[in-house]
Every structure is written in C-alpha cells, then in structure tokens.
Protein backbone atom coordinates (compact mmCIF):
# COMPACT_ATOMS: atom_id res chain seq x y z
CA MET A 1 113.99 296.80 94.38
CA ARG A 2 115.67 299.54 92.34
CA ASN A 3 118.96 298.66 94.06
CA TRP A 4 119.28 295.59 91.86
CA GLU A 5 120.26 297.66 88.83
CA ARG A 6 122.77 299.70 90.81
CA TYR A 7 124.38 296.62 92.36
CA ILE A 8 124.62 294.86 89.02
CA LYS A 9 126.25 297.93 87.47
CA GLN A 10 128.77 298.10 90.33
CA PHE A 11 129.44 294.36 90.03
CA VAL A 12 130.14 294.68 86.30
CA HIS A 13 132.57 297.54 87.05
CA TYR A 14 134.30 295.36 89.66
CA LEU A 15 134.69 292.46 87.19
CA LYS A 16 136.14 294.78 84.56
CA ILE A 17 138.49 296.88 86.67
CA GLU A 18 139.55 294.62 89.52
CA ARG A 19 139.17 291.15 88.04
CA SER A 20 140.23 292.19 84.51
CA LEU A 21 137.82 289.72 82.91
CA ALA A 22 137.20 289.56 79.18
CA GLU A 23 134.09 291.28 77.82
CA ASN A 24 132.42 287.96 76.99
CA SER A 25 132.97 286.67 80.53
CA ILE A 26 131.59 289.88 82.02
CA LEU A 27 128.53 289.67 79.78
CA ALA A 28 127.93 286.06 80.84
CA TYR A 29 128.14 287.04 84.53
CA GLN A 30 125.78 289.95 83.95
CA GLN A 31 123.24 287.72 82.23
CA ASP A 32 123.40 285.21 85.09
CA ILE A 33 122.81 287.94 87.68
CA GLU A 34 119.94 289.30 85.59
CA LYS A 35 118.35 285.83 85.84
CA LEU A 36 118.76 285.99 89.60
CA LYS A 37 117.32 289.50 89.71
CA ASP A 38 114.24 288.47 87.72
CA ALA A 39 113.63 285.45 89.96
CA CYS A 40 113.99 287.57 93.09
CA MET A 41 111.82 290.42 91.88
CA ALA A 42 109.06 287.95 91.01
CA ARG A 43 109.00 287.10 94.72
CA GLU A 44 109.65 290.70 95.86
CA LEU A 45 113.10 289.85 97.21
CA SER A 46 115.95 292.36 97.29
CA ALA A 47 119.67 291.59 96.98
CA GLU A 48 119.92 292.23 100.72
CA THR A 49 117.11 289.85 101.75
CA VAL A 50 117.33 286.83 99.41
CA SER A 51 118.16 283.73 101.48
CA THR A 52 119.94 280.42 100.96
CA ASN A 53 116.59 278.63 100.74
CA ASP A 54 115.44 281.10 98.09
CA LEU A 55 118.56 280.37 96.05
CA LYS A 56 118.04 276.61 96.37
CA THR A 57 114.52 277.07 95.02
CA PHE A 58 115.87 279.03 92.06
CA ILE A 59 118.50 276.33 91.42
CA ALA A 60 115.78 273.69 91.33
CA GLY A 61 114.15 275.80 88.65
CA LEU A 62 117.37 275.71 86.61
CA TYR A 63 117.30 271.92 86.78
CA ASP A 64 113.66 271.85 85.69
CA LEU A 65 114.60 273.90 82.62
CA GLY A 66 116.83 271.04 81.52
CA LEU A 67 120.07 273.02 81.70
CA SER A 68 123.28 270.97 81.63
CA ALA A 69 125.33 270.53 84.78
CA ARG A 70 127.99 272.81 83.31
CA SER A 71 125.46 275.57 82.58
CA GLN A 72 123.96 275.25 86.06
CA ALA A 73 127.43 275.39 87.63
CA ARG A 74 128.34 278.50 85.64
CA ILE A 75 125.17 280.31 86.72
CA ILE A 76 125.57 279.33 90.39
CA SER A 77 129.23 280.34 90.28
CA GLY A 78 128.16 283.75 88.95
CA TRP A 79 125.73 284.13 91.83
CA LYS A 80 128.49 283.24 94.29
CA GLN A 81 130.76 285.88 92.79
CA PHE A 82 127.97 288.45 93.05
CA PHE A 83 127.29 287.78 96.73
CA ASP A 84 131.01 287.76 97.44
CA PHE A 85 131.10 291.24 95.91
CA LEU A 86 128.16 292.37 98.08
CA LEU A 87 130.12 291.21 101.13
CA LEU A 88 133.21 293.13 100.03
CA GLU A 89 131.11 296.27 99.66
CA ASP A 90 129.39 295.74 103.05
CA ILE A 91 126.02 295.61 101.31
CA ARG A 92 125.41 292.26 103.00
CA LYS A 93 126.84 290.86 106.22
CA ASP A 94 126.26 287.24 105.21
CA ASP A 95 126.64 285.16 102.06
CA PRO A 96 123.49 283.15 101.21
CA SER A 97 125.36 281.33 98.44
CA GLU A 98 128.23 280.13 100.64
CA ASN A 99 126.91 276.60 101.18
CA LEU A 100 125.41 276.05 97.75
CA ASP A 101 126.75 272.95 96.03
CA LEU A 102 127.87 273.10 92.43
CA PRO A 103 127.00 270.24 90.07
CA LYS A 104 129.98 267.91 89.73
CA ILE A 105 131.81 268.70 86.50
CA GLY A 106 135.41 269.02 85.46
CA ARG A 107 136.90 272.27 86.78
CA LYS A 108 139.23 274.68 85.05
CA LEU A 109 141.90 275.41 87.61
CA PRO A 110 142.79 279.06 88.20
CA GLU A 111 146.21 280.49 87.49
CA VAL A 112 148.97 279.89 90.02
CA LEU A 113 152.31 281.65 90.23
CA THR A 114 155.45 279.64 90.78
CA ILE A 115 157.87 280.72 93.49
CA GLU A 116 160.30 281.75 90.74
CA GLU A 117 157.64 283.95 89.12
CA ILE A 118 156.85 285.62 92.44
CA ASP A 119 160.57 286.33 92.88
CA ARG A 120 160.62 287.86 89.38
CA ILE A 121 157.71 290.15 90.25
CA VAL A 122 159.44 291.31 93.44
CA ALA A 123 162.69 291.84 91.51
CA VAL A 124 161.17 294.36 89.08
CA ILE A 125 159.99 296.70 91.86
CA ASP A 126 161.96 299.95 91.61
CA MET A 127 163.33 300.46 95.10
CA GLY A 128 164.57 303.89 94.08
CA LYS A 129 161.00 305.17 94.09
CA ALA A 130 159.32 306.38 97.26
CA GLU A 131 156.62 303.69 97.06
CA GLY A 132 159.06 300.87 96.25
CA GLN A 133 159.38 299.49 99.78
CA ARG A 134 155.62 299.79 100.34
CA ASN A 135 154.87 297.81 97.19
CA ARG A 136 157.41 295.16 98.09
CA ALA A 137 155.76 294.82 101.49
CA ILE A 138 152.34 294.57 99.82
CA ILE A 139 153.41 291.73 97.49
CA GLU A 140 155.09 289.87 100.34
CA THR A 141 152.04 290.21 102.59
CA LEU A 142 149.58 289.11 99.90
CA TYR A 143 151.60 286.01 99.12
CA SER A 144 152.98 285.03 102.53
CA CYS A 145 149.70 285.58 104.41
CA GLY A 146 147.21 284.54 101.73
CA LEU A 147 145.09 287.66 102.21
CA ARG A 148 142.16 288.81 100.13
CA VAL A 149 142.85 292.23 98.63
CA SER A 150 140.09 293.78 100.77
CA GLU A 151 141.77 292.35 103.88
CA LEU A 152 145.09 293.85 102.83
CA VAL A 153 143.84 297.40 102.24
CA ASN A 154 141.89 297.30 105.53
CA LEU A 155 144.80 295.97 107.60
CA LYS A 156 145.42 298.28 110.56
CA LEU A 157 148.47 298.95 112.71
CA GLN A 158 146.65 297.66 115.78
CA ASP A 159 146.20 294.30 114.03
CA CYS A 160 149.95 293.71 113.58
CA PHE A 161 151.55 291.68 116.35
CA PHE A 162 154.97 291.12 114.83
CA GLU A 163 156.71 290.31 118.11
CA GLU A 164 154.23 287.49 118.62
CA GLY A 165 154.47 286.53 114.93
CA PHE A 166 150.94 287.02 113.63
CA ILE A 167 148.41 289.51 112.27
CA ARG A 168 144.70 289.79 112.99
CA VAL A 169 142.60 289.80 109.84
CA ILE A 170 138.99 290.93 109.49
CA GLY A 171 137.57 288.77 106.71
CA LYS A 172 134.26 288.13 104.99
CA GLY A 173 131.23 288.60 107.20
CA ASN A 174 133.38 290.63 109.64
CA LYS A 175 134.94 287.40 110.95
CA GLU A 176 138.30 287.64 112.68
CA ARG A 177 141.16 285.21 112.24
CA LEU A 178 144.82 285.11 113.23
CA VAL A 179 147.36 284.53 110.47
CA PRO A 180 151.03 283.69 111.15
CA VAL A 181 153.51 286.03 109.49
CA SER A 182 156.85 284.97 108.05
CA PRO A 183 160.16 286.66 108.88
CA SER A 184 160.17 288.13 105.35
CA VAL A 185 156.81 289.86 105.98
CA ILE A 186 158.01 291.21 109.30
CA GLU A 187 161.17 292.52 107.65
CA GLU A 188 159.52 294.10 104.61
CA VAL A 189 156.53 295.62 106.41
CA GLY A 190 158.74 296.67 109.33
CA ASP A 191 161.10 298.51 106.98
CA TYR A 192 158.14 300.28 105.36
CA LEU A 193 156.59 301.27 108.70
CA GLU A 194 159.86 302.48 110.17
CA ASN A 195 161.53 304.23 107.26
CA HIS A 196 158.91 305.15 104.66
CA ARG A 197 155.43 305.51 106.10
CA PRO A 198 156.45 308.23 108.63
CA GLU A 199 157.43 310.50 105.72
CA LEU A 200 153.89 310.52 104.28
CA PRO A 201 151.48 313.46 104.82
CA ILE A 202 148.99 311.19 106.57
CA LYS A 203 145.42 312.44 106.31
CA ARG A 204 143.16 312.74 109.32
CA GLY A 205 141.16 309.56 109.83
CA GLN A 206 143.67 307.45 107.84
CA GLU A 207 146.25 307.01 110.59
CA ALA A 208 145.15 303.49 111.51
CA TYR A 209 145.78 301.83 108.14
CA VAL A 210 149.08 300.10 107.43
CA PHE A 211 149.32 300.72 103.69
CA LEU A 212 148.81 304.29 102.45
CA ASN A 213 149.17 306.05 99.12
CA ARG A 214 151.53 308.96 98.48
CA ARG A 215 148.90 311.40 99.71
CA GLY A 216 148.62 309.60 103.04
CA ALA A 217 145.23 308.01 102.37
CA GLN A 218 144.09 304.39 102.50
CA LEU A 219 144.85 302.35 99.39
CA THR A 220 141.97 300.97 97.33
CA ARG A 221 141.50 297.51 95.82
CA VAL A 222 141.84 299.05 92.35
CA MET A 223 145.25 300.51 93.24
CA ILE A 224 146.52 297.11 94.37
CA PHE A 225 145.15 295.47 91.23
CA THR A 226 146.86 298.06 89.01
CA LEU A 227 150.29 297.81 90.59
CA ILE A 228 150.22 293.99 90.40
CA LYS A 229 149.18 294.08 86.75
CA ASN A 230 152.03 296.49 85.99
CA TYR A 231 154.67 294.47 87.84
CA THR A 232 153.50 291.24 86.24
CA ALA A 233 153.89 292.80 82.79
CA PHE A 234 157.35 294.20 83.66
CA ALA A 235 158.39 290.71 84.84
CA GLY A 236 157.40 289.25 81.48
CA ILE A 237 154.75 286.95 82.94
CA ARG A 238 151.90 286.35 80.53
CA LYS A 239 149.45 284.73 82.95
CA ASN A 240 146.21 286.53 83.85
CA ILE A 241 147.24 287.68 87.31
CA SER A 242 145.25 289.54 89.97
CA PRO A 243 145.75 290.05 93.73
CA HIS A 244 143.69 286.88 94.27
CA THR A 245 146.33 284.87 92.40
CA PHE A 246 148.77 285.40 95.27
CA ARG A 247 146.21 284.00 97.73
CA HIS A 248 145.71 280.94 95.56
CA SER A 249 149.48 280.50 95.11
CA PHE A 250 149.93 280.76 98.89
CA ALA A 251 147.53 277.88 99.50
CA THR A 252 148.84 275.79 96.62
CA HIS A 253 152.47 276.04 97.72
CA LEU A 254 151.54 275.14 101.31
CA ILE A 255 149.66 272.06 100.09
CA GLU A 256 152.57 271.02 97.89
CA GLY A 257 154.86 271.40 100.89
CA GLY A 258 152.70 269.05 102.95
CA ALA A 259 150.94 271.58 105.18
CA ASN A 260 147.87 270.51 107.16
CA LEU A 261 144.66 271.20 105.25
CA ARG A 262 142.77 272.32 108.36
CA ALA A 263 145.50 274.83 109.17
CA ILE A 264 145.27 276.23 105.63
CA GLN A 265 141.48 276.47 106.00
CA GLU A 266 141.95 278.55 109.17
CA MET A 267 144.53 280.83 107.56
CA LEU A 268 142.36 281.42 104.49
CA GLY A 269 139.25 282.02 106.58
CA HIS A 270 137.14 279.41 104.77
CA GLU A 271 133.91 278.40 106.46
CA SER A 272 134.00 274.91 104.93
CA ILE A 273 136.92 272.53 104.39
CA THR A 274 135.32 271.68 101.03
CA THR A 275 136.01 275.22 99.85
CA THR A 276 139.67 274.83 100.77
CA GLU A 277 139.95 271.55 98.89
CA ILE A 278 138.53 273.11 95.74
CA TYR A 279 140.53 276.30 96.13
CA THR A 280 143.87 274.58 96.49
CA HIS A 281 143.10 271.95 93.83
CA LEU A 282 144.71 269.13 95.78
CA ASP A 283 146.17 266.51 93.55
CA GLN A 284 145.10 262.94 94.06
CA ARG A 285 148.64 261.74 94.59
CA PHE A 286 149.03 263.94 97.66
CA LEU A 287 145.73 262.71 99.11
CA ARG A 288 146.59 259.08 98.42
CA GLU A 289 149.99 259.39 100.08
CA ALA A 290 148.42 261.09 103.11
CA ILE A 291 145.85 258.33 103.52
CA ILE A 292 148.40 255.54 103.12
CA SER A 293 150.78 257.21 105.56
CA TYR A 294 148.35 258.07 108.34
CA HIS A 295 145.27 255.83 108.18
CA PRO A 296 145.44 253.22 111.00
CA ARG A 297 144.38 250.41 108.66
CA ASN A 298 147.47 251.04 106.56
CA ALA A 299 149.92 251.07 109.46
CA LYS A 300 152.63 248.45 109.26
CA SER A 301 152.79 245.98 112.13
C-alpha cells in the first residue's frame, strides 16, 4: 500500500516535466488521484490490483456525492492519465480505466499543429550540429507515424522494415501494431542511421535502439520533450506543445484528408474506435458528408 505515495509522486513529476502542465492543473490531478488512493486503501487495493469494476464502483460514489458531470469527468480523466502513466512505466500491464465512459459534456479540444507550423519547427533545426539529423528524423517520425513518445524512444532497429514500408511498434499493454512509414521518414531516419549514428560511441546494451544520445545511450522521454519545447520556442510558436501534440496532429490531418477512421484507429493503436473519434475531434460536417456519400439509403438511383 505504501507504493501509492511513490507512484503519485512520480506521476506529479511526469506531469510537470514531460507534460509541462501548470501548477494548478498538476494540483488538481494530484487531488483526484488522492481521492482514488483513499477509496482503494479503504478496500485494501493497490495501484497494481484495482480493477475496472472497482473503478466503476468509485464512480458511482462520485455520482452519489452530487458532483456535476464536469467535475466527475475531470476526476475520471485524471484517473485515466494516472493509469496511462503506470502503463508507460511498466507498473501495470493493463489499463483498468480504458473502457470507462466519461459523462457527456462539452470538451476542450487539445492543441493541434498546422502543417505550416510543423514545417517551421523542422526548419529551425540546426543541421550543422551533430544531433541535427537525428532530431529531424525524430520530429518526422513522431508526426508521420503518430507515435507516442514512449514508442519512439523504444523503437529498435529490428522493428524497422523500410524496404517493405512499415515499422513495428510496441504500444500500451505490450501490444504490437504495424505502422506505414512515409518516404520522408525513410529518408530522414535512413540518413541518420547511415551517416550519423555509426559515429556515436554506442554503449553496451544500447545497440538495438534507433535513436541514441551523444553518449550512445537510449534517449529518454524527457529528452524528447525538451528538444521539442526548444524547437517550438525557436520557431515562434506560442501553443503549448509536447511530443503528444504531433500524434494528435497526425490523426487530425489524416481525418481532414479523408482517411478511413478504422485505419487511423489501427495506426494509433486504440482499443476502441470511440477513443479515436474523441482523439481526432471529428467535425460534424465530415461525418455528415461521409454518411450522405456512402450510406445505401442516400444512394442516387
């Protein structure tokens, strides 16, 4: 049971360093997880053993307290973020909050980068520096493949099948998926692997990873977060950007281009199509046009 305090402390550090959230937001998350901790400890449940049914029982308790739908949604969202963090840290192999429904309220859509803004970020990378080509390959892979930052830093050479045009990604819950790679990814990563990575003093045990730091060791999520924050500032973009923003932009631009929603679900590694719909914030016009175009009842005779 003592692990609760340690996990909450690590989660707060993650929100501050990697997610760059404001102090008030971090405090709200912490308070929500403290509520979860208290409910679990009352039933002698650890962070590793609490189940989906346990969470549903706790949610019913929130309703009984008379909390508004918005307050309930905020608390449940905090729990989801916490369990997502436990997955990233391999503390849990499953996510008990994955299929929890949020009360229906208006949603604040996350930040999305335009294609022009992504081009501006790439343009400020100093290619005269040793890590320039690596960082360019990182940005291109995050955006063009829609990877989570943990999936990027754990990408291995054996998972790159550039001749076939895809990479193998190990996602949440250790689930594998195949993601198509664009010619730009193949070019940028190929250049890095051929001309820059061989010059690194690669450490023993780190040989398998695609992206390495200057000392030849695996990159961390914090390193990726920091370089993206720096490049975003250099590009003069004032949005609150993190590595996850590139994943969201990837999905959004595919939707806007008319890509199949199921295909996007597969590429993102979402268990439920509902998650993909929320994540890509589909506009109603796109859905309406799709229904009118393809539903048999709307077909012209």
